[in-house]
Amino acid sequence: AGVTRAGLLPNPTLDLEAGTGALTG
């Protein structure tokens, strides 16, 4: 399992960002 783990790439990261102007008028 250690050999298998060492050969793997890090998992990709999914980012989600949302913004609104409702709070600033």
mmCIF file of all heavy atoms, coordinates in Angstrom:
data_MODEL
# 
_entry.id   MODEL 
# 
loop_
_atom_site.group_PDB 
_atom_site.id 
_atom_site.type_symbol 
_atom_site.label_atom_id 
_atom_site.label_alt_id 
_atom_site.label_comp_id 
_atom_site.label_asym_id 
_atom_site.label_entity_id 
_atom_site.label_seq_id 
_atom_site.pdbx_PDB_ins_code 
_atom_site.Cartn_x 
_atom_site.Cartn_y 
_atom_site.Cartn_z 
_atom_site.occupancy 
_atom_site.B_iso_or_equiv 
_atom_site.pdbx_formal_charge 
_atom_site.auth_seq_id 
_atom_site.auth_comp_id 
_atom_site.auth_asym_id 
_atom_site.auth_atom_id 
_atom_site.pdbx_PDB_model_num 
ATOM 1   N N   . ALA A 1 1  ? 0.833   -1.211 0.000   1.00 0.00 ? 1  ALA A N   1 
ATOM 2   C CA  . ALA A 1 1  ? 0.000   0.000  0.000   1.00 0.00 ? 1  ALA A CA  1 
ATOM 3   C C   . ALA A 1 1  ? 0.862   1.253  0.000   1.00 0.00 ? 1  ALA A C   1 
ATOM 4   O O   . ALA A 1 1  ? 0.523   2.253  -0.647  1.00 0.00 ? 1  ALA A O   1 
ATOM 5   C CB  . ALA A 1 1  ? -0.929  -0.003 1.214   1.00 0.00 ? 1  ALA A CB  1 
ATOM 6   N N   . GLY A 1 2  ? 1.999   1.204  0.704   1.00 0.00 ? 2  GLY A N   1 
ATOM 7   C CA  . GLY A 1 2  ? 2.901   2.348  0.711   1.00 0.00 ? 2  GLY A CA  1 
ATOM 8   C C   . GLY A 1 2  ? 3.481   2.621  -0.666  1.00 0.00 ? 2  GLY A C   1 
ATOM 9   O O   . GLY A 1 2  ? 3.623   3.786  -1.077  1.00 0.00 ? 2  GLY A O   1 
ATOM 10  N N   . VAL A 1 3  ? 3.805   1.558  -1.411  1.00 0.00 ? 3  VAL A N   1 
ATOM 11  C CA  . VAL A 1 3  ? 4.306   1.735  -2.779  1.00 0.00 ? 3  VAL A CA  1 
ATOM 12  C C   . VAL A 1 3  ? 3.226   2.328  -3.661  1.00 0.00 ? 3  VAL A C   1 
ATOM 13  O O   . VAL A 1 3  ? 3.478   3.245  -4.465  1.00 0.00 ? 3  VAL A O   1 
ATOM 14  C CB  . VAL A 1 3  ? 4.803   0.384  -3.336  1.00 0.00 ? 3  VAL A CB  1 
ATOM 15  C CG1 . VAL A 1 3  ? 5.170   0.515  -4.811  1.00 0.00 ? 3  VAL A CG1 1 
ATOM 16  C CG2 . VAL A 1 3  ? 6.009   -0.109 -2.545  1.00 0.00 ? 3  VAL A CG2 1 
ATOM 17  N N   . THR A 1 4  ? 2.000   1.825  -3.513  1.00 0.00 ? 4  THR A N   1 
ATOM 18  C CA  . THR A 1 4  ? 0.889   2.359  -4.308  1.00 0.00 ? 4  THR A CA  1 
ATOM 19  C C   . THR A 1 4  ? 0.641   3.825  -4.003  1.00 0.00 ? 4  THR A C   1 
ATOM 20  O O   . THR A 1 4  ? 0.460   4.657  -4.906  1.00 0.00 ? 4  THR A O   1 
ATOM 21  C CB  . THR A 1 4  ? -0.385  1.543  -4.035  1.00 0.00 ? 4  THR A CB  1 
ATOM 22  O OG1 . THR A 1 4  ? -0.143  0.165  -4.360  1.00 0.00 ? 4  THR A OG1 1 
ATOM 23  C CG2 . THR A 1 4  ? -1.547  2.057  -4.869  1.00 0.00 ? 4  THR A CG2 1 
ATOM 24  N N   . ARG A 1 5  ? 0.663   4.163  -2.711  1.00 0.00 ? 5  ARG A N   1 
ATOM 25  C CA  . ARG A 1 5  ? 0.418   5.546  -2.300  1.00 0.00 ? 5  ARG A CA  1 
ATOM 26  C C   . ARG A 1 5  ? 1.519   6.476  -2.816  1.00 0.00 ? 5  ARG A C   1 
ATOM 27  O O   . ARG A 1 5  ? 1.252   7.608  -3.249  1.00 0.00 ? 5  ARG A O   1 
ATOM 28  C CB  . ARG A 1 5  ? 0.343   5.626  -0.779  1.00 0.00 ? 5  ARG A CB  1 
ATOM 29  C CG  . ARG A 1 5  ? -0.010  7.021  -0.251  1.00 0.00 ? 5  ARG A CG  1 
ATOM 30  C CD  . ARG A 1 5  ? -0.003  7.061  1.264   1.00 0.00 ? 5  ARG A CD  1 
ATOM 31  N NE  . ARG A 1 5  ? -0.966  6.138  1.843   1.00 0.00 ? 5  ARG A NE  1 
ATOM 32  C CZ  . ARG A 1 5  ? -0.631  5.015  2.468   1.00 0.00 ? 5  ARG A CZ  1 
ATOM 33  N NH1 . ARG A 1 5  ? 0.651   4.682  2.612   1.00 0.00 ? 5  ARG A NH1 1 
ATOM 34  N NH2 . ARG A 1 5  ? -1.553  4.213  2.957   1.00 0.00 ? 5  ARG A NH2 1 
ATOM 35  N N   . ALA A 1 6  ? 2.765   6.006  -2.793  1.00 0.00 ? 6  ALA A N   1 
ATOM 36  C CA  . ALA A 1 6  ? 3.874   6.854  -3.230  1.00 0.00 ? 6  ALA A CA  1 
ATOM 37  C C   . ALA A 1 6  ? 3.808   7.163  -4.722  1.00 0.00 ? 6  ALA A C   1 
ATOM 38  O O   . ALA A 1 6  ? 4.300   8.200  -5.173  1.00 0.00 ? 6  ALA A O   1 
ATOM 39  C CB  . ALA A 1 6  ? 5.202   6.181  -2.902  1.00 0.00 ? 6  ALA A CB  1 
ATOM 40  N N   . GLY A 1 7  ? 3.188   6.284  -5.494  1.00 0.00 ? 7  GLY A N   1 
ATOM 41  C CA  . GLY A 1 7  ? 3.115   6.502  -6.931  1.00 0.00 ? 7  GLY A CA  1 
ATOM 42  C C   . GLY A 1 7  ? 1.939   7.340  -7.386  1.00 0.00 ? 7  GLY A C   1 
ATOM 43  O O   . GLY A 1 7  ? 1.814   7.619  -8.586  1.00 0.00 ? 7  GLY A O   1 
ATOM 44  N N   . LEU A 1 8  ? 1.077   7.754  -6.471  1.00 0.00 ? 8  LEU A N   1 
ATOM 45  C CA  . LEU A 1 8  ? -0.112  8.521  -6.838  1.00 0.00 ? 8  LEU A CA  1 
ATOM 46  C C   . LEU A 1 8  ? 0.159   10.022 -6.823  1.00 0.00 ? 8  LEU A C   1 
ATOM 47  O O   . LEU A 1 8  ? 0.954   10.508 -6.015  1.00 0.00 ? 8  LEU A O   1 
ATOM 48  C CB  . LEU A 1 8  ? -1.267  8.211  -5.868  1.00 0.00 ? 8  LEU A CB  1 
ATOM 49  C CG  . LEU A 1 8  ? -1.767  6.756  -5.845  1.00 0.00 ? 8  LEU A CG  1 
ATOM 50  C CD1 . LEU A 1 8  ? -2.833  6.594  -4.772  1.00 0.00 ? 8  LEU A CD1 1 
ATOM 51  C CD2 . LEU A 1 8  ? -2.322  6.333  -7.203  1.00 0.00 ? 8  LEU A CD2 1 
ATOM 52  N N   . LEU A 1 9  ? -0.506  10.732 -7.711  1.00 0.00 ? 9  LEU A N   1 
ATOM 53  C CA  . LEU A 1 9  ? -0.468  12.191 -7.690  1.00 0.00 ? 9  LEU A CA  1 
ATOM 54  C C   . LEU A 1 9  ? -1.425  12.712 -6.630  1.00 0.00 ? 9  LEU A C   1 
ATOM 55  O O   . LEU A 1 9  ? -2.408  12.034 -6.288  1.00 0.00 ? 9  LEU A O   1 
ATOM 56  C CB  . LEU A 1 9  ? -0.854  12.763 -9.057  1.00 0.00 ? 9  LEU A CB  1 
ATOM 57  C CG  . LEU A 1 9  ? 0.186   12.648 -10.180 1.00 0.00 ? 9  LEU A CG  1 
ATOM 58  C CD1 . LEU A 1 9  ? -0.442  13.052 -11.505 1.00 0.00 ? 9  LEU A CD1 1 
ATOM 59  C CD2 . LEU A 1 9  ? 1.405   13.502 -9.879  1.00 0.00 ? 9  LEU A CD2 1 
ATOM 60  N N   . PRO A 1 10 ? -1.197  13.923 -6.101  1.00 0.00 ? 10 PRO A N   1 
ATOM 61  C CA  . PRO A 1 10 ? -2.169  14.513 -5.169  1.00 0.00 ? 10 PRO A CA  1 
ATOM 62  C C   . PRO A 1 10 ? -3.520  14.703 -5.861  1.00 0.00 ? 10 PRO A C   1 
ATOM 63  O O   . PRO A 1 10 ? -3.592  14.923 -7.074  1.00 0.00 ? 10 PRO A O   1 
ATOM 64  C CB  . PRO A 1 10 ? -1.539  15.857 -4.790  1.00 0.00 ? 10 PRO A CB  1 
ATOM 65  C CG  . PRO A 1 10 ? -0.088  15.713 -5.102  1.00 0.00 ? 10 PRO A CG  1 
ATOM 66  C CD  . PRO A 1 10 ? -0.005  14.775 -6.270  1.00 0.00 ? 10 PRO A CD  1 
ATOM 67  N N   . ASN A 1 11 ? -4.584  14.631 -5.106  1.00 0.00 ? 11 ASN A N   1 
ATOM 68  C CA  . ASN A 1 11 ? -5.914  14.836 -5.671  1.00 0.00 ? 11 ASN A CA  1 
ATOM 69  C C   . ASN A 1 11 ? -6.091  16.292 -6.120  1.00 0.00 ? 11 ASN A C   1 
ATOM 70  O O   . ASN A 1 11 ? -5.591  17.213 -5.470  1.00 0.00 ? 11 ASN A O   1 
ATOM 71  C CB  . ASN A 1 11 ? -6.997  14.490 -4.640  1.00 0.00 ? 11 ASN A CB  1 
ATOM 72  C CG  . ASN A 1 11 ? -7.086  13.003 -4.374  1.00 0.00 ? 11 ASN A CG  1 
ATOM 73  O OD1 . ASN A 1 11 ? -6.903  12.195 -5.280  1.00 0.00 ? 11 ASN A OD1 1 
ATOM 74  N ND2 . ASN A 1 11 ? -7.355  12.635 -3.130  1.00 0.00 ? 11 ASN A ND2 1 
ATOM 75  N N   . PRO A 1 12 ? -6.801  16.497 -7.246  1.00 0.00 ? 12 PRO A N   1 
ATOM 76  C CA  . PRO A 1 12 ? -7.081  17.879 -7.668  1.00 0.00 ? 12 PRO A CA  1 
ATOM 77  C C   . PRO A 1 12 ? -8.051  18.557 -6.705  1.00 0.00 ? 12 PRO A C   1 
ATOM 78  O O   . PRO A 1 12 ? -8.782  17.892 -5.953  1.00 0.00 ? 12 PRO A O   1 
ATOM 79  C CB  . PRO A 1 12 ? -7.692  17.695 -9.063  1.00 0.00 ? 12 PRO A CB  1 
ATOM 80  C CG  . PRO A 1 12 ? -8.241  16.315 -9.060  1.00 0.00 ? 12 PRO A CG  1 
ATOM 81  C CD  . PRO A 1 12 ? -7.356  15.499 -8.175  1.00 0.00 ? 12 PRO A CD  1 
ATOM 82  N N   . THR A 1 13 ? -8.036  19.863 -6.732  1.00 0.00 ? 13 THR A N   1 
ATOM 83  C CA  . THR A 1 13 ? -8.889  20.657 -5.837  1.00 0.00 ? 13 THR A CA  1 
ATOM 84  C C   . THR A 1 13 ? -9.910  21.425 -6.665  1.00 0.00 ? 13 THR A C   1 
ATOM 85  O O   . THR A 1 13 ? -9.563  22.080 -7.657  1.00 0.00 ? 13 THR A O   1 
ATOM 86  C CB  . THR A 1 13 ? -8.041  21.652 -5.029  1.00 0.00 ? 13 THR A CB  1 
ATOM 87  O OG1 . THR A 1 13 ? -7.062  20.926 -4.277  1.00 0.00 ? 13 THR A OG1 1 
ATOM 88  C CG2 . THR A 1 13 ? -8.905  22.479 -4.084  1.00 0.00 ? 13 THR A CG2 1 
ATOM 89  N N   . LEU A 1 14 ? -11.155 21.346 -6.252  1.00 0.00 ? 14 LEU A N   1 
ATOM 90  C CA  . LEU A 1 14 ? -12.248 22.075 -6.906  1.00 0.00 ? 14 LEU A CA  1 
ATOM 91  C C   . LEU A 1 14 ? -12.605 23.271 -6.038  1.00 0.00 ? 14 LEU A C   1 
ATOM 92  O O   . LEU A 1 14 ? -12.897 23.132 -4.851  1.00 0.00 ? 14 LEU A O   1 
ATOM 93  C CB  . LEU A 1 14 ? -13.468 21.164 -7.093  1.00 0.00 ? 14 LEU A CB  1 
ATOM 94  C CG  . LEU A 1 14 ? -14.705 21.791 -7.746  1.00 0.00 ? 14 LEU A CG  1 
ATOM 95  C CD1 . LEU A 1 14 ? -14.391 22.201 -9.199  1.00 0.00 ? 14 LEU A CD1 1 
ATOM 96  C CD2 . LEU A 1 14 ? -15.879 20.819 -7.715  1.00 0.00 ? 14 LEU A CD2 1 
ATOM 97  N N   . ASP A 1 15 ? -12.584 24.478 -6.646  1.00 0.00 ? 15 ASP A N   1 
ATOM 98  C CA  . ASP A 1 15 ? -12.897 25.716 -5.928  1.00 0.00 ? 15 ASP A CA  1 
ATOM 99  C C   . ASP A 1 15 ? -14.168 26.334 -6.506  1.00 0.00 ? 15 ASP A C   1 
ATOM 100 O O   . ASP A 1 15 ? -14.352 26.391 -7.735  1.00 0.00 ? 15 ASP A O   1 
ATOM 101 C CB  . ASP A 1 15 ? -11.756 26.732 -6.063  1.00 0.00 ? 15 ASP A CB  1 
ATOM 102 C CG  . ASP A 1 15 ? -10.472 26.217 -5.449  1.00 0.00 ? 15 ASP A CG  1 
ATOM 103 O OD1 . ASP A 1 15 ? -10.540 25.664 -4.340  1.00 0.00 ? 15 ASP A OD1 1 
ATOM 104 O OD2 . ASP A 1 15 ? -9.401  26.353 -6.088  1.00 0.00 ? 15 ASP A OD2 1 
ATOM 105 N N   . LEU A 1 16 ? -15.010 26.812 -5.616  1.00 0.00 ? 16 LEU A N   1 
ATOM 106 C CA  . LEU A 1 16 ? -16.239 27.507 -6.018  1.00 0.00 ? 16 LEU A CA  1 
ATOM 107 C C   . LEU A 1 16 ? -16.304 28.808 -5.228  1.00 0.00 ? 16 LEU A C   1 
ATOM 108 O O   . LEU A 1 16 ? -16.207 28.811 -4.007  1.00 0.00 ? 16 LEU A O   1 
ATOM 109 C CB  . LEU A 1 16 ? -17.474 26.646 -5.745  1.00 0.00 ? 16 LEU A CB  1 
ATOM 110 C CG  . LEU A 1 16 ? -18.829 27.270 -6.097  1.00 0.00 ? 16 LEU A CG  1 
ATOM 111 C CD1 . LEU A 1 16 ? -18.926 27.538 -7.602  1.00 0.00 ? 16 LEU A CD1 1 
ATOM 112 C CD2 . LEU A 1 16 ? -19.970 26.368 -5.647  1.00 0.00 ? 16 LEU A CD2 1 
ATOM 113 N N   . GLU A 1 17 ? -16.473 29.905 -5.945  1.00 0.00 ? 17 GLU A N   1 
ATOM 114 C CA  . GLU A 1 17 ? -16.522 31.225 -5.306  1.00 0.00 ? 17 GLU A CA  1 
ATOM 115 C C   . GLU A 1 17 ? -17.729 31.982 -5.850  1.00 0.00 ? 17 GLU A C   1 
ATOM 116 O O   . GLU A 1 17 ? -17.954 32.026 -7.066  1.00 0.00 ? 17 GLU A O   1 
ATOM 117 C CB  . GLU A 1 17 ? -15.245 32.006 -5.613  1.00 0.00 ? 17 GLU A CB  1 
ATOM 118 C CG  . GLU A 1 17 ? -15.220 33.393 -4.995  1.00 0.00 ? 17 GLU A CG  1 
ATOM 119 C CD  . GLU A 1 17 ? -13.980 34.165 -5.356  1.00 0.00 ? 17 GLU A CD  1 
ATOM 120 O OE1 . GLU A 1 17 ? -12.971 33.539 -5.758  1.00 0.00 ? 17 GLU A OE1 1 
ATOM 121 O OE2 . GLU A 1 17 ? -14.015 35.410 -5.278  1.00 0.00 ? 17 GLU A OE2 1 
ATOM 122 N N   . ALA A 1 18 ? -18.523 32.547 -4.963  1.00 0.00 ? 18 ALA A N   1 
ATOM 123 C CA  . ALA A 1 18 ? -19.705 33.318 -5.362  1.00 0.00 ? 18 ALA A CA  1 
ATOM 124 C C   . ALA A 1 18 ? -19.724 34.634 -4.587  1.00 0.00 ? 18 ALA A C   1 
ATOM 125 O O   . ALA A 1 18 ? -19.375 34.673 -3.395  1.00 0.00 ? 18 ALA A O   1 
ATOM 126 C CB  . ALA A 1 18 ? -20.989 32.526 -5.108  1.00 0.00 ? 18 ALA A CB  1 
ATOM 127 N N   . GLY A 1 19 ? -20.134 35.728 -5.245  1.00 0.00 ? 19 GLY A N   1 
ATOM 128 C CA  . GLY A 1 19 ? -20.211 37.024 -4.593  1.00 0.00 ? 19 GLY A CA  1 
ATOM 129 C C   . GLY A 1 19 ? -21.473 37.778 -5.011  1.00 0.00 ? 19 GLY A C   1 
ATOM 130 O O   . GLY A 1 19 ? -22.005 37.567 -6.107  1.00 0.00 ? 19 GLY A O   1 
ATOM 131 N N   . THR A 1 20 ? -21.976 38.646 -4.131  1.00 0.00 ? 20 THR A N   1 
ATOM 132 C CA  . THR A 1 20 ? -23.186 39.428 -4.416  1.00 0.00 ? 20 THR A CA  1 
ATOM 133 C C   . THR A 1 20 ? -23.010 40.844 -3.861  1.00 0.00 ? 20 THR A C   1 
ATOM 134 O O   . THR A 1 20 ? -22.331 41.047 -2.846  1.00 0.00 ? 20 THR A O   1 
ATOM 135 C CB  . THR A 1 20 ? -24.430 38.759 -3.812  1.00 0.00 ? 20 THR A CB  1 
ATOM 136 O OG1 . THR A 1 20 ? -25.575 39.575 -4.087  1.00 0.00 ? 20 THR A OG1 1 
ATOM 137 C CG2 . THR A 1 20 ? -24.290 38.595 -2.303  1.00 0.00 ? 20 THR A CG2 1 
ATOM 138 N N   . GLY A 1 21 ? -23.640 41.795 -4.533  1.00 0.00 ? 21 GLY A N   1 
ATOM 139 C CA  . GLY A 1 21 ? -23.611 43.174 -4.076  1.00 0.00 ? 21 GLY A CA  1 
ATOM 140 C C   . GLY A 1 21 ? -24.818 43.563 -3.269  1.00 0.00 ? 21 GLY A C   1 
ATOM 141 O O   . GLY A 1 21 ? -25.014 44.747 -2.958  1.00 0.00 ? 21 GLY A O   1 
ATOM 142 N N   . ALA A 1 22 ? -25.685 42.619 -2.933  1.00 0.00 ? 22 ALA A N   1 
ATOM 143 C CA  . ALA A 1 22 ? -26.919 42.925 -2.208  1.00 0.00 ? 22 ALA A CA  1 
ATOM 144 C C   . ALA A 1 22 ? -26.645 43.553 -0.857  1.00 0.00 ? 22 ALA A C   1 
ATOM 145 O O   . ALA A 1 22 ? -27.395 44.403 -0.374  1.00 0.00 ? 22 ALA A O   1 
ATOM 146 C CB  . ALA A 1 22 ? -27.748 41.654 -2.044  1.00 0.00 ? 22 ALA A CB  1 
ATOM 147 N N   . LEU A 1 23 ? -25.546 43.148 -0.231  1.00 0.00 ? 23 LEU A N   1 
ATOM 148 C CA  . LEU A 1 23 ? -25.249 43.678 1.099   1.00 0.00 ? 23 LEU A CA  1 
ATOM 149 C C   . LEU A 1 23 ? -24.619 45.060 1.046   1.00 0.00 ? 23 LEU A C   1 
ATOM 150 O O   . LEU A 1 23 ? -24.507 45.733 2.073   1.00 0.00 ? 23 LEU A O   1 
ATOM 151 C CB  . LEU A 1 23 ? -24.303 42.711 1.832   1.00 0.00 ? 23 LEU A CB  1 
ATOM 152 C CG  . LEU A 1 23 ? -24.852 41.299 2.061   1.00 0.00 ? 23 LEU A CG  1 
ATOM 153 C CD1 . LEU A 1 23 ? -23.813 40.435 2.748   1.00 0.00 ? 23 LEU A CD1 1 
ATOM 154 C CD2 . LEU A 1 23 ? -26.133 41.344 2.889   1.00 0.00 ? 23 LEU A CD2 1 
ATOM 155 N N   . THR A 1 24 ? -24.215 45.496 -0.134  1.00 0.00 ? 24 THR A N   1 
ATOM 156 C CA  . THR A 1 24 ? -23.571 46.817 -0.272  1.00 0.00 ? 24 THR A CA  1 
ATOM 157 C C   . THR A 1 24 ? -24.419 47.776 -1.118  1.00 0.00 ? 24 THR A C   1 
ATOM 158 O O   . THR A 1 24 ? -23.924 48.809 -1.578  1.00 0.00 ? 24 THR A O   1 
ATOM 159 C CB  . THR A 1 24 ? -22.193 46.649 -0.916  1.00 0.00 ? 24 THR A CB  1 
ATOM 160 O OG1 . THR A 1 24 ? -22.329 46.030 -2.196  1.00 0.00 ? 24 THR A OG1 1 
ATOM 161 C CG2 . THR A 1 24 ? -21.277 45.809 -0.027  1.00 0.00 ? 24 THR A CG2 1 
ATOM 162 N N   . GLY A 1 25 ? -25.678 47.407 -1.342  1.00 0.00 ? 25 GLY A N   1 
ATOM 163 C CA  . GLY A 1 25 ? -26.584 48.287 -2.089  1.00 0.00 ? 25 GLY A CA  1 
ATOM 164 C C   . GLY A 1 25 ? -26.532 48.121 -3.592  1.00 0.00 ? 25 GLY A C   1 
ATOM 165 O O   . GLY A 1 25 ? -27.149 48.901 -4.324  1.00 0.00 ? 25 GLY A O   1 
# 
